[in-house]
Amino acid sequence: MVATEQVLEGSCHCGRVRYRAVAPFGEMTNCHCTDCRKSHGAAFATYIEVPRERFSYVQGEGELHSFQAESGLQRYFCRNCGSIIWNGSSNPPEAYWITAGTLDTPIDRKPDAHIFIRSKVPWYDIKDDLPQHQAYPATEG
């Protein structure tokens, strides 16, 4: 029997931008940094890491607009509806961090950790047992 690779598909709110990501996937994290909170208008944003070569647009790549935060993080979003599709911190990025909320494919995976809790809003309490990191785990001493 031949094993099939997991394929995730997603789209923006208006449907103009559609993408596909093929496993293997990296970490799935809840990011509490100020950039993510401000851009999503939420207490945190959830992302799944996808190697650049495993990500492709099905339609609407020309509908994307980008914004670079002072931190250097570059976000790509639909210019029509504003849905953030992915972000990355280098140009070109080695991996895309796709927004889990834009997935159309159901997944049974749960986040691996909370990151940038040093920027967490005081009105949200983390009540799960996931690891919590002040920044990126690799940069913590």
Protein backbone atom coordinates (compact mmCIF):
# COMPACT_ATOMS: atom_id res chain seq x y z
CA MET A 1 0.00 0.00 0.00
CA VAL A 2 1.35 3.44 -0.94
CA ALA A 3 1.21 6.07 1.81
CA THR A 4 -0.31 9.39 0.82
CA GLU A 5 1.09 12.69 1.96
CA GLN A 6 -1.15 14.90 4.04
CA VAL A 7 -2.31 17.92 2.06
CA LEU A 8 -3.82 20.95 3.72
CA GLU A 9 -5.82 23.47 1.74
CA GLY A 10 -6.89 26.90 2.86
CA SER A 11 -8.32 30.18 1.70
CA CYS A 12 -9.00 33.75 2.69
CA HIS A 13 -12.43 34.86 3.90
CA CYS A 14 -13.63 36.05 0.48
CA GLY A 15 -12.16 33.04 -1.36
CA ARG A 16 -9.98 35.00 -3.80
CA VAL A 17 -6.76 33.50 -2.38
CA ARG A 18 -6.46 29.73 -2.11
CA TYR A 19 -3.39 27.73 -1.15
CA ARG A 20 -2.13 24.19 -0.66
CA ALA A 21 0.49 22.90 1.79
CA VAL A 22 1.96 19.40 1.72
CA ALA A 23 3.39 17.55 4.74
CA PRO A 24 5.72 17.27 6.52
CA PHE A 25 4.75 20.25 8.65
CA GLY A 26 6.75 21.86 11.40
CA GLU A 27 5.53 23.28 14.66
CA MET A 28 2.03 24.52 15.35
CA THR A 29 2.17 27.41 17.80
CA ASN A 30 -0.05 29.94 19.52
CA CYS A 31 1.85 33.22 19.19
CA HIS A 32 1.17 35.94 21.76
CA CYS A 33 3.57 38.56 20.35
CA THR A 34 2.37 42.12 19.94
CA ASP A 35 2.64 41.94 16.12
CA CYS A 36 0.34 38.90 15.96
CA ARG A 37 -2.12 40.29 18.49
CA LYS A 38 -2.40 43.62 16.69
CA SER A 39 -2.67 42.18 13.18
CA HIS A 40 -5.25 39.54 14.15
CA GLY A 41 -7.16 41.64 16.68
CA ALA A 42 -7.08 38.68 19.07
CA ALA A 43 -5.27 37.47 22.20
CA PHE A 44 -3.01 35.26 20.05
CA ALA A 45 -2.70 33.76 16.57
CA THR A 46 -2.16 30.10 15.69
CA TYR A 47 0.25 29.11 12.93
CA ILE A 48 1.56 25.94 11.29
CA GLU A 49 5.08 25.93 9.88
CA VAL A 50 5.35 24.76 6.25
CA PRO A 51 8.65 24.54 4.35
CA ARG A 52 8.61 27.05 1.47
CA GLU A 53 8.93 24.35 -1.20
CA ARG A 54 5.86 22.54 0.24
CA PHE A 55 3.55 25.59 -0.13
CA SER A 56 1.80 26.71 -3.33
CA TYR A 57 -1.01 28.98 -4.40
CA VAL A 58 -4.03 27.39 -6.06
CA GLN A 59 -5.37 30.82 -7.04
CA GLY A 60 -5.14 34.48 -6.21
CA GLU A 61 -1.45 35.03 -5.50
CA GLY A 62 -1.84 38.41 -7.24
CA GLU A 63 -4.52 39.33 -4.68
CA LEU A 64 -1.95 39.33 -1.87
CA HIS A 65 -0.58 42.43 -0.22
CA SER A 66 2.14 42.50 2.40
CA PHE A 67 3.04 44.48 5.47
CA GLN A 68 6.36 44.45 7.28
CA ALA A 69 6.26 45.15 11.00
CA GLU A 70 9.09 46.93 12.81
CA SER A 71 10.19 43.52 14.09
CA GLY A 72 10.92 42.47 10.50
CA LEU A 73 8.00 40.04 10.34
CA GLN A 74 6.36 40.15 6.91
CA ARG A 75 2.65 39.29 6.68
CA TYR A 76 0.83 38.40 3.49
CA PHE A 77 -2.90 38.99 3.39
CA CYS A 78 -5.76 39.20 0.90
CA ARG A 79 -6.08 42.78 -0.33
CA ASN A 80 -9.86 42.35 -0.63
CA CYS A 81 -10.93 40.84 2.71
CA GLY A 82 -7.78 41.27 4.84
CA SER A 83 -7.36 37.62 5.86
CA ILE A 84 -3.75 36.94 6.82
CA ILE A 85 -2.62 33.88 4.87
CA TRP A 86 0.95 33.50 6.11
CA ASN A 87 3.93 35.29 7.58
CA GLY A 88 7.68 34.92 7.56
CA SER A 89 10.70 36.71 8.94
CA SER A 90 13.24 36.47 6.12
CA ASN A 91 13.09 37.32 2.44
CA PRO A 92 12.56 34.86 0.96
CA PRO A 93 11.49 32.88 4.00
CA GLU A 94 12.72 29.33 4.51
CA ALA A 95 9.26 28.44 5.79
CA TYR A 96 5.80 29.91 5.67
CA TRP A 97 3.86 30.17 8.91
CA ILE A 98 0.31 29.68 7.63
CA THR A 99 -2.55 30.91 9.75
CA ALA A 100 -4.38 27.86 11.05
CA GLY A 101 -7.66 29.79 11.01
CA THR A 102 -7.56 29.96 7.19
CA LEU A 103 -7.43 26.17 6.75
CA ASP A 104 -10.34 24.58 4.91
CA THR A 105 -9.02 21.06 5.47
CA PRO A 106 -10.02 19.73 8.89
CA ILE A 107 -7.04 18.77 11.04
CA ASP A 108 -6.90 16.84 14.28
CA ARG A 109 -3.59 18.36 15.31
CA LYS A 110 -3.33 20.61 18.35
CA PRO A 111 -0.78 23.38 18.97
CA ASP A 112 2.63 22.35 20.31
CA ALA A 113 3.35 25.44 22.44
CA HIS A 114 2.61 29.05 23.32
CA ILE A 115 5.32 31.46 22.19
CA PHE A 116 6.09 35.08 23.06
CA ILE A 117 4.12 34.92 26.28
CA ARG A 118 6.22 37.87 27.48
CA SER A 119 3.78 39.92 25.33
CA LYS A 120 0.63 38.07 26.42
CA VAL A 121 -2.40 40.22 27.21
CA PRO A 122 -3.23 40.30 30.93
CA TRP A 123 -6.91 39.52 30.39
CA TYR A 124 -6.28 36.07 28.84
CA ASP A 125 -5.23 33.15 31.04
CA ILE A 126 -3.50 30.20 29.42
CA LYS A 127 -5.19 27.17 30.97
CA ASP A 128 -3.74 24.28 28.99
CA ASP A 129 -0.61 22.26 29.73
CA LEU A 130 1.31 23.26 26.58
CA PRO A 131 4.87 24.51 27.01
CA GLN A 132 5.11 28.29 27.34
CA HIS A 133 8.06 30.24 25.96
CA GLN A 134 9.00 33.87 26.56
CA ALA A 135 10.14 34.19 22.91
CA TYR A 136 11.11 31.64 20.24
CA PRO A 137 12.20 28.48 22.08
CA ALA A 138 15.51 28.40 20.16
CA THR A 139 16.43 31.90 21.42
CA GLU A 140 15.79 31.19 25.08
CA GLY A 141 18.93 30.57 27.13
